[in-house]
């Protein structure tokens, strides 16, 4: 997947978790949890959604890499 596809996928999953959020305003380095007011359960649902959409296992140790859009793109692009 390229960066655009990864961002689109992440946005799709986030829209299901935080439908009221303006996802177009997310910055590359902003903490998704803070910007979207996601609690730990919401963020885990996001991680599970990414896993389901990509089929890629995401170990718990890698979850912090997904806190920003920049980190998330780098994580999935490295595949």
Protein backbone atom coordinates (compact mmCIF):
# COMPACT_ATOMS: atom_id res chain seq x y z
CA UNK A 1 0.00 0.00 0.00
CA UNK A 2 1.15 3.52 -0.68
CA UNK A 3 0.80 6.48 1.71
CA UNK A 4 -2.51 7.68 0.19
CA UNK A 5 -4.07 4.25 0.49
CA UNK A 6 -2.89 3.89 4.08
CA UNK A 7 -4.30 7.31 5.03
CA UNK A 8 -7.61 6.48 3.32
CA UNK A 9 -7.81 3.17 5.15
CA UNK A 10 -7.05 4.79 8.51
CA UNK A 11 -9.62 7.51 7.85
CA UNK A 12 -12.23 4.92 6.94
CA UNK A 13 -11.65 2.99 10.17
CA UNK A 14 -11.58 6.18 12.27
CA UNK A 15 -14.84 7.38 10.71
CA UNK A 16 -16.53 4.27 12.07
CA UNK A 17 -15.21 4.96 15.57
CA UNK A 18 -15.50 8.76 15.69
CA UNK A 19 -18.15 9.68 13.09
CA UNK A 20 -18.48 13.22 14.44
CA UNK A 21 -14.77 14.00 13.99
CA UNK A 22 -13.49 16.22 11.20
CA UNK A 23 -10.85 13.84 9.90
CA UNK A 24 -9.78 16.22 7.13
CA UNK A 25 -8.11 18.46 9.71
CA UNK A 26 -5.82 15.80 11.17
CA UNK A 27 -2.16 16.75 11.02
CA UNK A 28 0.56 14.24 10.26
CA UNK A 29 2.21 14.56 13.68
CA UNK A 30 -0.84 15.07 15.87
CA UNK A 31 -1.74 12.38 18.38
CA UNK A 32 -4.89 10.76 17.01
CA UNK A 33 -6.06 9.87 20.51
CA UNK A 34 -5.98 13.48 21.67
CA UNK A 35 -7.24 15.09 18.45
CA UNK A 36 -10.23 12.75 18.22
CA UNK A 37 -10.76 12.35 21.97
CA UNK A 38 -10.39 8.58 21.73
CA UNK A 39 -10.29 6.62 24.95
CA UNK A 40 -8.18 3.48 25.22
CA UNK A 41 -11.05 1.22 24.11
CA UNK A 42 -11.76 3.40 21.06
CA UNK A 43 -8.10 3.32 20.09
CA UNK A 44 -7.95 -0.46 20.50
CA UNK A 45 -11.03 -0.70 18.27
CA UNK A 46 -9.11 1.39 15.74
CA UNK A 47 -6.14 -0.99 15.92
CA UNK A 48 -8.43 -4.01 15.55
CA UNK A 49 -10.13 -2.32 12.57
CA UNK A 50 -6.75 -1.75 10.92
CA UNK A 51 -5.88 -5.39 11.51
CA UNK A 52 -9.18 -6.55 10.01
CA UNK A 53 -8.82 -4.34 6.93
CA UNK A 54 -5.16 -5.17 6.26
CA UNK A 55 -4.85 -8.69 7.62
CA UNK A 56 -1.64 -7.58 9.30
CA UNK A 57 -1.08 -8.59 12.90
CA UNK A 58 -0.28 -5.58 15.08
CA UNK A 59 1.61 -6.61 18.22
CA UNK A 60 0.84 -4.64 21.36
CA UNK A 61 4.41 -3.36 21.40
CA UNK A 62 3.82 -1.70 18.01
CA UNK A 63 0.62 0.13 18.99
CA UNK A 64 2.45 3.37 19.98
CA UNK A 65 3.73 3.60 16.39
CA UNK A 66 0.11 4.16 15.32
CA UNK A 67 -0.52 7.21 17.52
CA UNK A 68 0.09 9.66 14.66
CA UNK A 69 -0.85 9.52 11.00
CA UNK A 70 2.83 9.87 10.08
CA UNK A 71 3.75 6.92 12.29
CA UNK A 72 0.84 4.87 11.04
CA UNK A 73 1.77 5.45 7.40
CA UNK A 74 5.41 4.57 8.09
CA UNK A 75 4.37 1.41 9.96
CA UNK A 76 2.15 0.06 7.18
CA UNK A 77 4.38 1.25 4.34
CA UNK A 78 7.28 -0.75 5.79
CA UNK A 79 5.44 -3.96 5.00
